[in-house]
PDB file of all heavy atoms in Angstrom:
ATOM      1  N   ALA A   1      -6.306   4.593  -3.739  1.00  0.00           N
ATOM      2  CA  ALA A   1      -7.220   3.786  -2.924  1.00  0.00           C
ATOM      3  C   ALA A   1      -6.573   2.494  -2.444  1.00  0.00           C
ATOM      4  O   ALA A   1      -6.759   2.091  -1.278  1.00  0.00           O
ATOM      5  CB  ALA A   1      -8.487   3.484  -3.713  1.00  0.00           C
ATOM      6  N   GLU A   2      -5.839   1.825  -3.306  1.00  0.00           N
ATOM      7  CA  GLU A   2      -5.225   0.560  -2.897  1.00  0.00           C
ATOM      8  C   GLU A   2      -4.221   0.781  -1.776  1.00  0.00           C
ATOM      9  O   GLU A   2      -4.201   0.042  -0.778  1.00  0.00           O
ATOM     10  CB  GLU A   2      -4.538  -0.109  -4.087  1.00  0.00           C
ATOM     11  CG  GLU A   2      -3.933  -1.472  -3.743  1.00  0.00           C
ATOM     12  CD  GLU A   2      -3.292  -2.161  -4.951  1.00  0.00           C
ATOM     13  OE1 GLU A   2      -3.416  -1.632  -6.089  1.00  0.00           O
ATOM     14  OE2 GLU A   2      -2.673  -3.228  -4.760  1.00  0.00           O
ATOM     15  N   ALA A   3      -3.390   1.817  -1.924  1.00  0.00           N
ATOM     16  CA  ALA A   3      -2.404   2.114  -0.885  1.00  0.00           C
ATOM     17  C   ALA A   3      -3.082   2.533   0.408  1.00  0.00           C
ATOM     18  O   ALA A   3      -2.650   2.154   1.507  1.00  0.00           O
ATOM     19  CB  ALA A   3      -1.451   3.209  -1.363  1.00  0.00           C
ATOM     20  N   LEU A   4      -4.160   3.321   0.302  1.00  0.00           N
ATOM     21  CA  LEU A   4      -4.916   3.705   1.486  1.00  0.00           C
ATOM     22  C   LEU A   4      -5.521   2.486   2.175  1.00  0.00           C
ATOM     23  O   LEU A   4      -5.491   2.360   3.404  1.00  0.00           O
ATOM     24  CB  LEU A   4      -6.030   4.684   1.107  1.00  0.00           C
ATOM     25  CG  LEU A   4      -5.660   6.152   0.905  1.00  0.00           C
ATOM     26  CD1 LEU A   4      -6.832   6.906   0.286  1.00  0.00           C
ATOM     27  CD2 LEU A   4      -5.243   6.790   2.225  1.00  0.00           C
ATOM     28  N   GLY A   5      -6.066   1.565   1.379  1.00  0.00           N
ATOM     29  CA  GLY A   5      -6.661   0.362   1.938  1.00  0.00           C
ATOM     30  C   GLY A   5      -5.640  -0.495   2.669  1.00  0.00           C
ATOM     31  O   GLY A   5      -5.920  -1.032   3.749  1.00  0.00           O
ATOM     32  N   GLU A   6      -4.453  -0.648   2.073  1.00  0.00           N
ATOM     33  CA  GLU A   6      -3.399  -1.439   2.718  1.00  0.00           C
ATOM     34  C   GLU A   6      -2.975  -0.805   4.037  1.00  0.00           C
ATOM     35  O   GLU A   6      -2.754  -1.502   5.036  1.00  0.00           O
ATOM     36  CB  GLU A   6      -2.199  -1.561   1.776  1.00  0.00           C
ATOM     37  CG  GLU A   6      -2.474  -2.445   0.562  1.00  0.00           C
ATOM     38  CD  GLU A   6      -1.312  -2.444  -0.419  1.00  0.00           C
ATOM     39  OE1 GLU A   6      -0.338  -1.690  -0.195  1.00  0.00           O
ATOM     40  OE2 GLU A   6      -1.380  -3.193  -1.421  1.00  0.00           O
ATOM     41  N   TRP A   7      -2.870   0.528   4.030  1.00  0.00           N
ATOM     42  CA  TRP A   7      -2.496   1.238   5.258  1.00  0.00           C
ATOM     43  C   TRP A   7      -3.569   1.055   6.330  1.00  0.00           C
ATOM     44  O   TRP A   7      -3.250   0.765   7.495  1.00  0.00           O
ATOM     45  CB  TRP A   7      -2.278   2.717   4.942  1.00  0.00           C
ATOM     46  CG  TRP A   7      -2.155   3.600   6.143  1.00  0.00           C
ATOM     47  CD1 TRP A   7      -1.144   3.622   7.063  1.00  0.00           C
ATOM     48  CD2 TRP A   7      -3.103   4.583   6.580  1.00  0.00           C
ATOM     49  NE1 TRP A   7      -1.404   4.559   8.030  1.00  0.00           N
ATOM     50  CE2 TRP A   7      -2.589   5.164   7.756  1.00  0.00           C
ATOM     51  CE3 TRP A   7      -4.317   5.041   6.064  1.00  0.00           C
ATOM     52  CZ2 TRP A   7      -3.261   6.180   8.439  1.00  0.00           C
ATOM     53  CZ3 TRP A   7      -4.993   6.048   6.745  1.00  0.00           C
ATOM     54  CH2 TRP A   7      -4.464   6.604   7.914  1.00  0.00           C
ATOM     55  N   LEU A   8      -4.844   1.183   5.971  1.00  0.00           N
ATOM     56  CA  LEU A   8      -5.923   1.006   6.942  1.00  0.00           C
ATOM     57  C   LEU A   8      -6.000  -0.432   7.449  1.00  0.00           C
ATOM     58  O   LEU A   8      -6.274  -0.671   8.632  1.00  0.00           O
ATOM     59  CB  LEU A   8      -7.255   1.430   6.340  1.00  0.00           C
ATOM     60  CG  LEU A   8      -7.479   2.941   6.210  1.00  0.00           C
ATOM     61  CD1 LEU A   8      -8.735   3.229   5.404  1.00  0.00           C
ATOM     62  CD2 LEU A   8      -7.568   3.597   7.587  1.00  0.00           C
ATOM     63  N   ASP A   9      -5.755  -1.393   6.572  1.00  0.00           N
ATOM     64  CA  ASP A   9      -5.717  -2.794   7.012  1.00  0.00           C
ATOM     65  C   ASP A   9      -4.634  -2.996   8.071  1.00  0.00           C
ATOM     66  O   ASP A   9      -4.836  -3.691   9.073  1.00  0.00           O
ATOM     67  CB  ASP A   9      -5.461  -3.726   5.828  1.00  0.00           C
ATOM     68  CG  ASP A   9      -6.670  -3.869   4.914  1.00  0.00           C
ATOM     69  OD1 ASP A   9      -7.788  -3.518   5.339  1.00  0.00           O
ATOM     70  OD2 ASP A   9      -6.482  -4.329   3.769  1.00  0.00           O
ATOM     71  N   GLU A  10      -3.499  -2.398   7.814  1.00  0.00           N
ATOM     72  CA  GLU A  10      -2.375  -2.502   8.754  1.00  0.00           C
ATOM     73  C   GLU A  10      -2.728  -1.861  10.091  1.00  0.00           C
ATOM     74  O   GLU A  10      -2.442  -2.404  11.157  1.00  0.00           O
ATOM     75  CB  GLU A  10      -1.146  -1.819   8.137  1.00  0.00           C
ATOM     76  CG  GLU A  10       0.062  -1.747   9.051  1.00  0.00           C
ATOM     77  CD  GLU A  10       1.145  -0.880   8.455  1.00  0.00           C
ATOM     78  OE1 GLU A  10       1.860  -1.356   7.543  1.00  0.00           O
ATOM     79  OE2 GLU A  10       1.274   0.285   8.874  1.00  0.00           O
ATOM     80  N   ARG A  11      -3.381  -0.687  10.029  1.00  0.00           N
ATOM     81  CA  ARG A  11      -3.757  -0.001  11.261  1.00  0.00           C
ATOM     82  C   ARG A  11      -4.842  -0.782  12.012  1.00  0.00           C
ATOM     83  O   ARG A  11      -4.843  -0.843  13.239  1.00  0.00           O
ATOM     84  CB  ARG A  11      -4.242   1.425  10.977  1.00  0.00           C
ATOM     85  CG  ARG A  11      -3.246   2.346  10.278  1.00  0.00           C
ATOM     86  CD  ARG A  11      -1.794   2.144  10.671  1.00  0.00           C
ATOM     87  NE  ARG A  11      -1.587   2.221  12.098  1.00  0.00           N
ATOM     88  CZ  ARG A  11      -0.647   1.561  12.760  1.00  0.00           C
ATOM     89  NH1 ARG A  11       0.170   0.742  12.131  1.00  0.00           N
ATOM     90  NH2 ARG A  11      -0.524   1.705  14.064  1.00  0.00           N
ATOM     91  N   GLU A  12      -5.778  -1.390  11.285  1.00  0.00           N
ATOM     92  CA  GLU A  12      -6.803  -2.195  11.938  1.00  0.00           C
ATOM     93  C   GLU A  12      -6.179  -3.391  12.639  1.00  0.00           C
ATOM     94  O   GLU A  12      -6.569  -3.756  13.756  1.00  0.00           O
ATOM     95  CB  GLU A  12      -7.840  -2.664  10.920  1.00  0.00           C
ATOM     96  CG  GLU A  12      -8.986  -3.438  11.549  1.00  0.00           C
ATOM     97  CD  GLU A  12     -10.052  -3.823  10.532  1.00  0.00           C
ATOM     98  OE1 GLU A  12      -9.708  -4.015   9.344  1.00  0.00           O
ATOM     99  OE2 GLU A  12     -11.224  -3.925  10.924  1.00  0.00           O
ATOM    100  N   ALA A  13      -5.199  -4.005  11.978  1.00  0.00           N
ATOM    101  CA  ALA A  13      -4.530  -5.167  12.567  1.00  0.00           C
ATOM    102  C   ALA A  13      -3.767  -4.812  13.837  1.00  0.00           C
ATOM    103  O   ALA A  13      -3.554  -5.663  14.703  1.00  0.00           O
ATOM    104  CB  ALA A  13      -3.575  -5.796  11.543  1.00  0.00           C
ATOM    105  N   SER A  14      -3.372  -3.556  13.967  1.00  0.00           N
ATOM    106  CA  SER A  14      -2.640  -3.139  15.166  1.00  0.00           C
ATOM    107  C   SER A  14      -3.525  -3.177  16.406  1.00  0.00           C
ATOM    108  O   SER A  14      -3.038  -3.284  17.532  1.00  0.00           O
ATOM    109  CB  SER A  14      -2.084  -1.717  14.986  1.00  0.00           C
ATOM    110  OG  SER A  14      -3.113  -0.743  15.068  1.00  0.00           O
ATOM    111  N   GLY A  15      -4.849  -3.066  16.202  1.00  0.00           N
ATOM    112  CA  GLY A  15      -5.789  -3.104  17.314  1.00  0.00           C
ATOM    113  C   GLY A  15      -5.793  -1.876  18.186  1.00  0.00           C
ATOM    114  O   GLY A  15      -6.400  -1.870  19.263  1.00  0.00           O
ATOM    115  N   THR A  16      -5.142  -0.799  17.748  1.00  0.00           N
ATOM    116  CA  THR A  16      -5.026   0.391  18.582  1.00  0.00           C
ATOM    117  C   THR A  16      -6.083   1.446  18.274  1.00  0.00           C
ATOM    118  O   THR A  16      -6.412   2.263  19.125  1.00  0.00           O
ATOM    119  CB  THR A  16      -3.633   1.031  18.428  1.00  0.00           C
ATOM    120  OG1 THR A  16      -3.418   1.385  17.053  1.00  0.00           O
ATOM    121  CG2 THR A  16      -2.546   0.058  18.872  1.00  0.00           C
ATOM    122  N   TRP A  17      -6.618   1.434  17.048  1.00  0.00           N
ATOM    123  CA  TRP A  17      -7.582   2.479  16.682  1.00  0.00           C
ATOM    124  C   TRP A  17      -8.930   2.245  17.366  1.00  0.00           C
ATOM    125  O   TRP A  17      -9.351   1.100  17.565  1.00  0.00           O
ATOM    126  CB  TRP A  17      -7.781   2.506  15.169  1.00  0.00           C
ATOM    127  CG  TRP A  17      -6.673   3.154  14.406  1.00  0.00           C
ATOM    128  CD1 TRP A  17      -5.336   3.098  14.693  1.00  0.00           C
ATOM    129  CD2 TRP A  17      -6.794   3.936  13.220  1.00  0.00           C
ATOM    130  NE1 TRP A  17      -4.626   3.798  13.752  1.00  0.00           N
ATOM    131  CE2 TRP A  17      -5.488   4.325  12.835  1.00  0.00           C
ATOM    132  CE3 TRP A  17      -7.870   4.338  12.438  1.00  0.00           C
ATOM    133  CZ2 TRP A  17      -5.240   5.103  11.700  1.00  0.00           C
ATOM    134  CZ3 TRP A  17      -7.629   5.110  11.312  1.00  0.00           C
ATOM    135  CH2 TRP A  17      -6.326   5.495  10.956  1.00  0.00           C
ATOM    136  N   ARG A  18      -9.604   3.340  17.704  1.00  0.00           N
ATOM    137  CA  ARG A  18     -10.960   3.221  18.228  1.00  0.00           C
ATOM    138  C   ARG A  18     -11.848   2.599  17.156  1.00  0.00           C
ATOM    139  O   ARG A  18     -11.756   2.974  15.978  1.00  0.00           O
ATOM    140  CB  ARG A  18     -11.479   4.595  18.649  1.00  0.00           C
ATOM    141  CG  ARG A  18     -10.748   5.148  19.869  1.00  0.00           C
ATOM    142  CD  ARG A  18     -11.171   6.561  20.232  1.00  0.00           C
ATOM    143  NE  ARG A  18     -10.458   7.022  21.415  1.00  0.00           N
ATOM    144  CZ  ARG A  18     -10.489   8.263  21.874  1.00  0.00           C
ATOM    145  NH1 ARG A  18     -11.205   9.179  21.249  1.00  0.00           N
ATOM    146  NH2 ARG A  18      -9.804   8.600  22.955  1.00  0.00           N
ATOM    147  N   PRO A  19     -12.722   1.667  17.532  1.00  0.00           N
ATOM    148  CA  PRO A  19     -13.532   0.950  16.535  1.00  0.00           C
ATOM    149  C   PRO A  19     -14.347   1.865  15.630  1.00  0.00           C
ATOM    150  O   PRO A  19     -14.479   1.600  14.429  1.00  0.00           O
ATOM    151  CB  PRO A  19     -14.441   0.059  17.402  1.00  0.00           C
ATOM    152  CG  PRO A  19     -13.674  -0.138  18.664  1.00  0.00           C
ATOM    153  CD  PRO A  19     -12.930   1.141  18.899  1.00  0.00           C
ATOM    154  N   ASN A  20     -14.885   2.952  16.197  1.00  0.00           N
ATOM    155  CA  ASN A  20     -15.698   3.852  15.368  1.00  0.00           C
ATOM    156  C   ASN A  20     -14.873   4.515  14.280  1.00  0.00           C
ATOM    157  O   ASN A  20     -15.346   4.760  13.170  1.00  0.00           O
ATOM    158  CB  ASN A  20     -16.370   4.920  16.239  1.00  0.00           C
ATOM    159  CG  ASN A  20     -15.372   5.812  16.969  1.00  0.00           C
ATOM    160  OD1 ASN A  20     -14.398   5.319  17.544  1.00  0.00           O
ATOM    161  ND2 ASN A  20     -15.604   7.104  16.974  1.00  0.00           N
ATOM    162  N   VAL A  21     -13.598   4.785  14.584  1.00  0.00           N
ATOM    163  CA  VAL A  21     -12.739   5.481  13.627  1.00  0.00           C
ATOM    164  C   VAL A  21     -12.328   4.545  12.497  1.00  0.00           C
ATOM    165  O   VAL A  21     -12.413   4.899  11.314  1.00  0.00           O
ATOM    166  CB  VAL A  21     -11.488   6.062  14.331  1.00  0.00           C
ATOM    167  CG1 VAL A  21     -10.607   6.803  13.325  1.00  0.00           C
ATOM    168  CG2 VAL A  21     -11.901   7.002  15.454  1.00  0.00           C
ATOM    169  N   ILE A  22     -11.895   3.339  12.831  1.00  0.00           N
ATOM    170  CA  ILE A  22     -11.440   2.424  11.785  1.00  0.00           C
ATOM    171  C   ILE A  22     -12.618   1.991  10.915  1.00  0.00           C
ATOM    172  O   ILE A  22     -12.484   1.874   9.678  1.00  0.00           O
ATOM    173  CB  ILE A  22     -10.703   1.203  12.388  1.00  0.00           C
ATOM    174  CG1 ILE A  22      -9.908   0.474  11.296  1.00  0.00           C
ATOM    175  CG2 ILE A  22     -11.636   0.261  13.101  1.00  0.00           C
ATOM    176  CD1 ILE A  22      -8.716   1.221  10.790  1.00  0.00           C
ATOM    177  N   LYS A  23     -13.778   1.786  11.506  1.00  0.00           N
ATOM    178  CA  LYS A  23     -14.953   1.379  10.725  1.00  0.00           C
ATOM    179  C   LYS A  23     -15.351   2.482   9.749  1.00  0.00           C
ATOM    180  O   LYS A  23     -15.575   2.232   8.559  1.00  0.00           O
ATOM    181  CB  LYS A  23     -16.117   1.053  11.657  1.00  0.00           C
ATOM    182  CG  LYS A  23     -17.382   0.616  10.920  1.00  0.00           C
ATOM    183  CD  LYS A  23     -18.514   0.307  11.897  1.00  0.00           C
ATOM    184  CE  LYS A  23     -19.778  -0.100  11.145  1.00  0.00           C
ATOM    185  NZ  LYS A  23     -20.909  -0.382  12.070  1.00  0.00           N
ATOM    186  N   PHE A  24     -15.437   3.712  10.234  1.00  0.00           N
ATOM    187  CA  PHE A  24     -15.802   4.830   9.377  1.00  0.00           C
ATOM    188  C   PHE A  24     -14.774   5.002   8.265  1.00  0.00           C
ATOM    189  O   PHE A  24     -15.123   5.205   7.096  1.00  0.00           O
ATOM    190  CB  PHE A  24     -15.889   6.112  10.213  1.00  0.00           C
ATOM    191  CG  PHE A  24     -16.286   7.329   9.432  1.00  0.00           C
ATOM    192  CD1 PHE A  24     -17.616   7.690   9.310  1.00  0.00           C
ATOM    193  CD2 PHE A  24     -15.336   8.114   8.805  1.00  0.00           C
ATOM    194  CE1 PHE A  24     -17.991   8.808   8.587  1.00  0.00           C
ATOM    195  CE2 PHE A  24     -15.689   9.239   8.079  1.00  0.00           C
ATOM    196  CZ  PHE A  24     -17.029   9.587   7.967  1.00  0.00           C
ATOM    197  N   SER A  25     -13.496   4.904   8.607  1.00  0.00           N
ATOM    198  CA  SER A  25     -12.425   5.125   7.643  1.00  0.00           C
ATOM    199  C   SER A  25     -12.458   4.093   6.523  1.00  0.00           C
ATOM    200  O   SER A  25     -12.253   4.423   5.354  1.00  0.00           O
ATOM    201  CB  SER A  25     -11.069   5.082   8.354  1.00  0.00           C
ATOM    202  OG  SER A  25     -11.008   6.060   9.371  1.00  0.00           O
ATOM    203  N   LYS A  26     -12.744   2.846   6.859  1.00  0.00           N
ATOM    204  CA  LYS A  26     -12.790   1.805   5.835  1.00  0.00           C
ATOM    205  C   LYS A  26     -14.061   1.912   4.990  1.00  0.00           C
ATOM    206  O   LYS A  26     -14.051   1.615   3.792  1.00  0.00           O
ATOM    207  CB  LYS A  26     -12.676   0.428   6.488  1.00  0.00           C
ATOM    208  CG  LYS A  26     -11.352   0.225   7.230  1.00  0.00           C
ATOM    209  CD  LYS A  26     -11.055  -1.224   7.526  1.00  0.00           C
ATOM    210  CE  LYS A  26     -10.498  -1.923   6.312  1.00  0.00           C
ATOM    211  NZ  LYS A  26      -9.986  -3.260   6.611  1.00  0.00           N
ATOM    212  N   ASN A  27     -15.136   2.368   5.618  1.00  0.00           N
ATOM    213  CA  ASN A  27     -16.382   2.512   4.862  1.00  0.00           C
ATOM    214  C   ASN A  27     -16.261   3.549   3.750  1.00  0.00           C
ATOM    215  O   ASN A  27     -16.819   3.369   2.655  1.00  0.00           O
ATOM    216  CB  ASN A  27     -17.533   2.895   5.800  1.00  0.00           C
ATOM    217  CG  ASN A  27     -18.045   1.713   6.607  1.00  0.00           C
ATOM    218  OD1 ASN A  27     -17.743   0.563   6.301  1.00  0.00           O
ATOM    219  ND2 ASN A  27     -18.819   1.991   7.651  1.00  0.00           N
ATOM    220  N   ILE A  28     -15.568   4.643   4.006  1.00  0.00           N
ATOM    221  CA  ILE A  28     -15.503   5.709   3.002  1.00  0.00           C
ATOM    222  C   ILE A  28     -14.619   5.326   1.814  1.00  0.00           C
ATOM    223  O   ILE A  28     -14.670   5.986   0.774  1.00  0.00           O
ATOM    224  CB  ILE A  28     -15.025   7.051   3.605  1.00  0.00           C
ATOM    225  CG1 ILE A  28     -13.631   6.923   4.219  1.00  0.00           C
ATOM    226  CG2 ILE A  28     -16.023   7.575   4.619  1.00  0.00           C
ATOM    227  CD1 ILE A  28     -13.110   8.233   4.801  1.00  0.00           C
ATOM    228  N   LEU A  29     -13.851   4.258   1.963  1.00  0.00           N
ATOM    229  CA  LEU A  29     -13.056   3.782   0.819  1.00  0.00           C
ATOM    230  C   LEU A  29     -13.940   3.203  -0.280  1.00  0.00           C
ATOM    231  O   LEU A  29     -13.567   3.214  -1.453  1.00  0.00           O
ATOM    232  CB  LEU A  29     -12.051   2.718   1.282  1.00  0.00           C
ATOM    233  CG  LEU A  29     -10.688   3.192   1.785  1.00  0.00           C
ATOM    234  CD1 LEU A  29      -9.860   1.987   2.204  1.00  0.00           C
ATOM    235  CD2 LEU A  29      -9.947   3.995   0.733  1.00  0.00           C
ATOM    236  N   ALA A  30     -15.103   2.704   0.114  1.00  0.00           N
ATOM    237  CA  ALA A  30     -15.959   2.000  -0.852  1.00  0.00           C
ATOM    238  C   ALA A  30     -16.441   2.918  -1.968  1.00  0.00           C
ATOM    239  O   ALA A  30     -16.631   2.474  -3.109  1.00  0.00           O
ATOM    240  CB  ALA A  30     -17.146   1.383  -0.133  1.00  0.00           C
ATOM    241  N   GLU A  31     -16.660   4.192  -1.658  1.00  0.00           N
ATOM    242  CA  GLU A  31     -17.192   5.130  -2.649  1.00  0.00           C
ATOM    243  C   GLU A  31     -16.153   6.190  -3.017  1.00  0.00           C
ATOM    244  O   GLU A  31     -16.508   7.312  -3.356  1.00  0.00           O
ATOM    245  CB  GLU A  31     -18.455   5.805  -2.090  1.00  0.00           C
ATOM    246  CG  GLU A  31     -19.595   4.856  -1.794  1.00  0.00           C
ATOM    247  CD  GLU A  31     -20.172   4.247  -3.060  1.00  0.00           C
ATOM    248  OE1 GLU A  31     -20.101   4.895  -4.123  1.00  0.00           O
ATOM    249  OE2 GLU A  31     -20.683   3.112  -2.988  1.00  0.00           O
TER     250      GLU A  31
END
């Protein structure tokens, strides 16, 4: 989970992902 979170943070910072995809992807990390 930690490595996945760091990777998603990096991808979010790139600003290239569609907002719906990055939001959904980060939400599923919580559970």
